[in-house]
């Protein structure tokens, strides 16, 4: 394994939780990222007291979102959102570059309980769609890819997304578990994303055979092109990863990558931290309230004479004076 430009058997300093580790296996034309979420995902899940099955689903979604969102540069936002007919009818995870993540879910308690604590993600979500949105600021075009959810896992949905949107051979592995640490139960999540990105023009042509009529005198080739040997090897190696390796505190991302790719040589780059942090604020709440009509704002006033707004992500409660709200709205430019 090498870190930067100095090769070594294992890096002298290994990363821990709440970090994304980019890597490359140049001999196999692979690029990827590994993520470990510890205190950040534990905070998100315990704040709402989600049932175990829902907690695992949110943990998987958070790991996947961080893996994908970490490709953004200095600014931007990546959002994963599902809308389905299952017991977990909505799931939202936001990643705000360079390092902020938050997540929430809406679910029906009784159907979730009926499925049990080890319910499959497919059964929890049911049918609907998964949207992945990239917003890199006002100077860039907003992009959204949508995948139909028809009983597949989040891993399978991610593979489908890359097949139809990016057309890059991609493998994703996700794992979530509740573990005992220092006598206390903690949630952990982990993930691995590996992509095949060959630079050779011949190998690129193999992956993208053009459609259409063959020139006269040439036989038309049918069927999918043969899979590249390097990608076949990479898939076999990643297929050996077990769930516990993705979340075990004793197996860092560096050690996992070394186990997988040491015979081919793997280069790791600077790890990127991840923090649980919400985007809500008094200013954002006021901006949301301004979007409602005066009549709707009056309907928001509770029996105690205040307007109370609770953030679905972090559960922070904002208590506002209706008179002050109206004064601010009246004083706003363009009011």
Protein backbone atom coordinates (compact mmCIF):
# COMPACT_ATOMS: atom_id res chain seq x y z
CA UNK A 1 0.00 0.00 0.00
CA UNK A 2 1.19 3.51 -0.62
CA UNK A 3 0.05 6.80 0.82
CA UNK A 4 0.89 9.81 -1.32
CA UNK A 5 4.19 8.78 -2.93
CA UNK A 6 5.94 6.80 -0.17
CA UNK A 7 5.18 3.05 -0.45
CA UNK A 8 4.91 1.00 2.71
CA UNK A 9 3.30 -2.27 3.83
CA UNK A 10 0.73 -0.38 5.91
CA UNK A 11 0.40 3.36 6.50
CA UNK A 12 2.09 4.56 9.65
CA UNK A 13 -1.05 6.41 10.68
CA UNK A 14 -4.39 4.73 10.13
CA UNK A 15 -7.68 6.58 10.02
CA UNK A 16 -10.56 5.90 12.35
CA UNK A 17 -14.27 6.57 12.39
CA UNK A 18 -16.19 9.32 10.62
CA UNK A 19 -13.85 9.47 7.66
CA UNK A 20 -13.84 8.79 3.92
CA UNK A 21 -10.65 7.33 2.46
CA UNK A 22 -10.08 7.70 -1.31
CA UNK A 23 -7.89 5.06 -2.95
CA UNK A 24 -6.63 3.79 -6.29
CA UNK A 25 -5.46 0.39 -7.53
CA UNK A 26 -3.62 1.44 -10.65
CA UNK A 27 -2.76 -2.09 -11.77
CA UNK A 28 -6.51 -2.79 -12.08
CA UNK A 29 -7.59 0.69 -13.21
CA UNK A 30 -9.68 1.06 -10.07
CA UNK A 31 -10.67 4.16 -8.16
CA UNK A 32 -12.79 4.18 -5.05
CA UNK A 33 -13.60 5.30 -1.54
CA UNK A 34 -14.09 3.59 1.80
CA UNK A 35 -16.16 5.13 4.60
CA UNK A 36 -16.46 4.47 8.33
CA UNK A 37 -19.20 6.16 10.34
CA UNK A 38 -19.14 5.94 14.13
CA UNK A 39 -20.21 8.78 16.44
CA UNK A 40 -21.86 10.65 13.55
CA UNK A 41 -24.30 7.89 12.63
CA UNK A 42 -24.81 6.91 16.28
CA UNK A 43 -25.88 10.49 17.04
CA UNK A 44 -28.29 10.58 14.08
CA UNK A 45 -29.95 7.27 14.96
CA UNK A 46 -30.17 7.69 18.75
CA UNK A 47 -31.54 11.22 18.53
CA UNK A 48 -34.78 9.88 17.08
CA UNK A 49 -34.84 6.46 18.73
CA UNK A 50 -35.53 4.69 15.44
CA UNK A 51 -36.54 1.01 15.53
CA UNK A 52 -33.58 -1.24 14.75
CA UNK A 53 -34.73 -2.11 11.23
CA UNK A 54 -35.25 1.57 10.34
CA UNK A 55 -31.93 2.50 11.95
CA UNK A 56 -30.07 0.00 9.78
CA UNK A 57 -31.76 1.32 6.64
CA UNK A 58 -30.84 4.91 7.50
CA UNK A 59 -27.28 3.82 8.31
CA UNK A 60 -26.93 2.17 4.90
CA UNK A 61 -28.36 5.24 3.18
CA UNK A 62 -26.00 7.54 5.09
CA UNK A 63 -22.94 5.46 4.19
CA UNK A 64 -23.98 5.40 0.53
CA UNK A 65 -24.66 9.15 0.49
CA UNK A 66 -21.26 9.96 2.01
CA UNK A 67 -19.49 7.65 -0.46
CA UNK A 68 -21.12 9.47 -3.37
CA UNK A 69 -21.15 12.98 -1.94
CA UNK A 70 -17.46 12.88 -1.03
CA UNK A 71 -16.66 13.22 -4.74
CA UNK A 72 -17.82 16.87 -4.58
CA UNK A 73 -15.02 19.38 -4.28
CA UNK A 74 -15.00 22.40 -1.98
CA UNK A 75 -18.71 23.14 -2.12
CA UNK A 76 -21.92 21.50 -3.16
CA UNK A 77 -24.63 19.27 -1.85
CA UNK A 78 -25.53 15.66 -2.56
CA UNK A 79 -28.94 14.38 -1.50
CA UNK A 80 -30.38 10.88 -1.49
CA UNK A 81 -34.16 10.70 -1.13
CA UNK A 82 -36.70 7.89 -1.40
CA UNK A 83 -40.49 8.12 -1.76
CA UNK A 84 -42.17 4.74 -1.58
CA UNK A 85 -45.32 2.89 -0.53
CA UNK A 86 -43.58 0.80 2.16
CA UNK A 87 -43.56 1.21 5.95
CA UNK A 88 -40.58 3.57 5.56
CA UNK A 89 -42.25 5.87 3.08
CA UNK A 90 -39.59 8.57 2.98
CA UNK A 91 -35.86 8.62 3.60
CA UNK A 92 -33.64 11.68 3.18
CA UNK A 93 -29.87 11.97 3.60
CA UNK A 94 -28.00 15.21 2.89
CA UNK A 95 -24.26 15.51 2.40
CA UNK A 96 -22.96 19.07 2.27
CA UNK A 97 -19.37 19.37 1.06
CA UNK A 98 -16.84 19.05 2.35
CA UNK A 99 -17.91 17.03 5.39
CA UNK A 100 -21.45 17.51 6.78
CA UNK A 101 -24.09 14.77 6.87
CA UNK A 102 -27.61 14.61 8.25
CA UNK A 103 -30.45 12.11 7.80
CA UNK A 104 -34.08 11.49 8.66
CA UNK A 105 -36.88 9.06 7.82
CA UNK A 106 -40.66 8.88 8.04
CA UNK A 107 -42.17 5.52 8.87
CA UNK A 108 -45.30 3.80 10.15
CA UNK A 109 -44.53 2.19 13.49
CA UNK A 110 -46.94 -0.74 13.43
CA UNK A 111 -46.02 -2.11 9.97
CA UNK A 112 -42.33 -1.72 10.83
CA UNK A 113 -42.80 -3.63 14.08
CA UNK A 114 -44.71 -6.37 12.24
CA UNK A 115 -41.76 -6.89 9.90
CA UNK A 116 -39.39 -7.38 12.86
CA UNK A 117 -35.98 -5.95 13.78
CA UNK A 118 -34.18 -7.76 10.94
CA UNK A 119 -36.52 -6.67 8.15
CA UNK A 120 -34.99 -6.37 4.70
CA UNK A 121 -34.50 -2.92 3.22
CA UNK A 122 -36.62 -3.95 0.24
CA UNK A 123 -39.56 -4.82 2.50
CA UNK A 124 -39.22 -1.60 4.48
CA UNK A 125 -39.14 0.63 1.41
CA UNK A 126 -41.53 -1.20 -0.88
CA UNK A 127 -42.05 0.29 -4.32
CA UNK A 128 -41.43 3.83 -5.44
CA UNK A 129 -38.32 5.69 -6.47
CA UNK A 130 -34.92 6.79 -5.24
CA UNK A 131 -33.57 10.17 -6.35
CA UNK A 132 -29.94 11.25 -6.15
CA UNK A 133 -29.46 14.99 -6.56
CA UNK A 134 -26.20 16.88 -7.08
CA UNK A 135 -26.29 20.63 -6.49
CA UNK A 136 -22.91 22.35 -6.89
CA UNK A 137 -24.10 25.89 -6.37
CA UNK A 138 -25.68 28.69 -8.44
CA UNK A 139 -23.01 28.60 -11.16
CA UNK A 140 -23.48 24.90 -11.95
CA UNK A 141 -26.40 22.97 -13.39
CA UNK A 142 -28.34 20.84 -10.94
CA UNK A 143 -28.36 17.14 -11.76
CA UNK A 144 -30.77 14.44 -10.61
CA UNK A 145 -30.76 10.71 -11.31
CA UNK A 146 -33.83 8.64 -10.48
CA UNK A 147 -33.97 4.88 -9.93
CA UNK A 148 -37.20 2.89 -9.66
CA UNK A 149 -37.41 0.92 -6.42
CA UNK A 150 -39.06 -2.41 -7.10
CA UNK A 151 -37.96 -4.59 -4.23
CA UNK A 152 -34.19 -4.18 -4.44
CA UNK A 153 -31.69 -3.23 -1.73
CA UNK A 154 -29.89 0.13 -1.58
CA UNK A 155 -26.74 -1.58 -2.88
CA UNK A 156 -28.66 -2.89 -5.88
CA UNK A 157 -30.30 0.49 -6.44
CA UNK A 158 -26.86 2.15 -6.42
CA UNK A 159 -25.61 -0.33 -9.03
CA UNK A 160 -28.65 0.44 -11.18
CA UNK A 161 -28.02 4.18 -10.81
CA UNK A 162 -24.46 3.86 -12.10
CA UNK A 163 -25.50 1.59 -14.96
CA UNK A 164 -28.14 3.98 -16.27
CA UNK A 165 -26.78 7.39 -15.25
CA UNK A 166 -23.00 7.18 -15.19
CA UNK A 167 -22.37 4.04 -17.27
CA UNK A 168 -19.33 3.28 -15.12
CA UNK A 169 -18.78 -0.28 -13.85
CA UNK A 170 -19.30 0.17 -10.11
CA UNK A 171 -19.52 -2.01 -7.03
CA UNK A 172 -20.96 -0.83 -3.71
CA UNK A 173 -20.90 -2.63 -0.37
CA UNK A 174 -22.75 -1.35 2.70
CA UNK A 175 -23.01 -2.58 6.28
CA UNK A 176 -24.61 -1.35 9.52
CA UNK A 177 -24.66 -2.86 12.99
CA UNK A 178 -25.12 -2.01 16.64
CA UNK A 179 -22.05 -3.02 18.65
CA UNK A 180 -20.89 -2.91 22.24
CA UNK A 181 -18.05 -0.44 22.78
CA UNK A 182 -16.66 0.32 26.25
CA UNK A 183 -19.74 -1.23 27.82
CA UNK A 184 -22.17 0.85 25.73
CA UNK A 185 -24.15 0.01 22.61
CA UNK A 186 -23.15 2.08 19.57
CA UNK A 187 -24.33 2.19 15.98
CA UNK A 188 -21.71 1.91 13.26
CA UNK A 189 -21.92 2.01 9.46
CA UNK A 190 -19.42 1.38 6.71
CA UNK A 191 -19.20 1.21 2.98
CA UNK A 192 -16.93 0.57 0.03
CA UNK A 193 -17.28 1.96 -3.50
CA UNK A 194 -15.09 0.65 -6.33
CA UNK A 195 -15.18 1.89 -9.93
CA UNK A 196 -13.46 0.61 -13.07
CA UNK A 197 -11.97 3.58 -14.95
CA UNK A 198 -9.55 2.35 -17.63
CA UNK A 199 -7.55 4.94 -19.57
CA UNK A 200 -6.60 2.69 -22.48
CA UNK A 201 -8.57 3.64 -25.64
CA UNK A 202 -8.83 -0.02 -26.65
CA UNK A 203 -10.39 -1.00 -23.34
CA UNK A 204 -12.73 1.98 -23.46
CA UNK A 205 -13.90 0.87 -26.93
CA UNK A 206 -14.51 -2.61 -25.58
CA UNK A 207 -16.81 -1.17 -22.95
CA UNK A 208 -18.66 1.10 -25.40
CA UNK A 209 -19.18 -0.77 -28.69
CA UNK A 210 -21.06 1.57 -31.05
CA UNK A 211 -24.48 0.48 -32.30
CA UNK A 212 -25.50 0.53 -35.94
CA UNK A 213 -24.75 -1.34 -39.15
CA UNK A 214 -21.41 -3.04 -39.62
CA UNK A 215 -19.36 -2.06 -42.69
CA UNK A 216 -19.81 -4.27 -45.73
CA UNK A 217 -17.83 -7.48 -45.43
CA UNK A 218 -17.71 -7.38 -41.63
CA UNK A 219 -19.66 -9.63 -39.33
CA UNK A 220 -22.06 -8.00 -36.88
CA UNK A 221 -21.16 -8.81 -33.29
CA UNK A 222 -24.11 -9.42 -30.99
CA UNK A 223 -24.35 -9.60 -27.22
CA UNK A 224 -22.51 -7.67 -24.51
CA UNK A 225 -18.73 -7.22 -24.83
CA UNK A 226 -16.55 -9.52 -22.81
CA UNK A 227 -15.88 -8.22 -19.30
CA UNK A 228 -12.38 -6.84 -18.82
CA UNK A 229 -10.09 -9.19 -16.87
CA UNK A 230 -9.10 -6.42 -14.46
CA UNK A 231 -12.73 -5.69 -13.58
CA UNK A 232 -13.44 -9.41 -13.22
CA UNK A 233 -10.58 -9.66 -10.73
CA UNK A 234 -11.74 -6.55 -8.86
CA UNK A 235 -15.28 -7.91 -8.56
CA UNK A 236 -13.96 -11.19 -7.20
CA UNK A 237 -11.84 -9.43 -4.59
CA UNK A 238 -14.60 -7.08 -3.45
CA UNK A 239 -16.94 -10.06 -3.31
CA UNK A 240 -14.87 -11.49 -0.45
CA UNK A 241 -15.61 -8.51 1.84
CA UNK A 242 -17.79 -9.46 4.78
CA UNK A 243 -20.11 -7.06 6.58
CA UNK A 244 -18.14 -7.09 9.81
CA UNK A 245 -14.98 -5.96 7.98
CA UNK A 246 -16.73 -2.76 6.93
CA UNK A 247 -17.65 -1.76 10.49
CA UNK A 248 -15.16 -3.48 12.82
CA UNK A 249 -13.28 -0.79 14.83
CA UNK A 250 -10.22 -3.06 14.79
CA UNK A 251 -10.15 -3.14 10.97
CA UNK A 252 -9.43 0.35 9.65
CA UNK A 253 -10.21 1.30 6.07
CA UNK A 254 -6.49 1.15 5.32
CA UNK A 255 -6.21 -2.39 6.64
CA UNK A 256 -9.28 -3.51 4.73
CA UNK A 257 -7.88 -2.11 1.47
CA UNK A 258 -4.54 -3.76 2.18
CA UNK A 259 -6.26 -7.11 2.72
CA UNK A 260 -8.07 -6.76 -0.58
CA UNK A 261 -5.47 -5.32 -2.91
CA UNK A 262 -1.97 -5.73 -1.42
CA UNK A 263 -0.92 -8.12 -4.19
CA UNK A 264 -1.77 -5.51 -6.81
CA UNK A 265 -0.67 -2.46 -4.85
CA UNK A 266 -3.12 0.09 -3.51
CA UNK A 267 -2.52 3.80 -3.07
CA UNK A 268 -4.49 5.70 -0.44
CA UNK A 269 -4.93 9.45 -0.34
CA UNK A 270 -5.72 11.94 2.39
CA UNK A 271 -8.77 10.93 4.42
CA UNK A 272 -11.70 13.32 4.58
CA UNK A 273 -13.52 13.78 7.87
CA UNK A 274 -17.29 13.44 8.23
CA UNK A 275 -19.37 15.26 10.87
CA UNK A 276 -23.02 15.07 11.83
CA UNK A 277 -24.31 18.59 11.43
CA UNK A 278 -27.67 20.02 10.46
CA UNK A 279 -28.25 22.89 8.05
CA UNK A 280 -31.20 24.31 9.98
CA UNK A 281 -31.05 27.81 11.48
CA UNK A 282 -33.33 30.64 12.57
CA UNK A 283 -32.77 32.29 9.19
CA UNK A 284 -33.72 29.15 7.24
CA UNK A 285 -36.83 28.67 9.37
CA UNK A 286 -37.88 32.27 8.65
CA UNK A 287 -37.26 31.70 4.96
CA UNK A 288 -39.54 28.68 5.05
CA UNK A 289 -42.29 30.53 6.92
CA UNK A 290 -42.19 33.38 4.37
CA UNK A 291 -43.25 30.91 1.68
CA UNK A 292 -46.65 30.49 3.37
CA UNK A 293 -49.58 32.85 3.02
CA UNK A 294 -50.69 35.12 5.89
CA UNK A 295 -53.68 32.84 6.48
CA UNK A 296 -51.48 29.76 6.62
CA UNK A 297 -49.14 31.51 9.07
CA UNK A 298 -52.10 32.33 11.31
CA UNK A 299 -53.06 28.65 11.28
CA UNK A 300 -49.56 27.80 12.55
CA UNK A 301 -50.07 29.68 15.81
CA UNK A 302 -50.49 27.21 18.69
CA UNK A 303 -52.70 27.56 21.76
CA UNK A 304 -49.85 29.20 23.68
CA UNK A 305 -49.66 31.99 21.10
CA UNK A 306 -46.38 30.93 19.47
CA UNK A 307 -45.28 29.30 16.25
CA UNK A 308 -43.20 26.21 17.00
CA UNK A 309 -41.12 24.51 14.29
CA UNK A 310 -39.16 21.30 14.93
CA UNK A 311 -36.41 20.28 12.52
CA UNK A 312 -37.04 16.75 11.22
CA UNK A 313 -33.30 16.12 10.95
CA UNK A 314 -31.84 17.27 14.27
CA UNK A 315 -35.04 17.72 16.36
CA UNK A 316 -34.06 21.29 17.25
CA UNK A 317 -37.15 23.27 18.21
CA UNK A 318 -37.63 26.88 17.10
CA UNK A 319 -40.24 28.91 18.99
CA UNK A 320 -41.24 32.14 17.26
CA UNK A 321 -43.38 35.12 18.19
CA UNK A 322 -46.04 35.52 15.43
CA UNK A 323 -45.96 39.33 15.73
CA UNK A 324 -42.18 39.36 15.30
CA UNK A 325 -42.51 37.01 12.32
CA UNK A 326 -44.95 39.39 10.62
CA UNK A 327 -42.71 42.39 11.32
CA UNK A 328 -39.71 40.63 9.76
CA UNK A 329 -41.73 39.60 6.73
CA UNK A 330 -43.07 43.13 6.28
CA UNK A 331 -39.56 44.59 6.56
CA UNK A 332 -38.02 42.13 4.11
CA UNK A 333 -36.95 43.52 0.68
CA UNK A 334 -39.72 43.12 -1.87
CA UNK A 335 -42.41 42.59 0.76
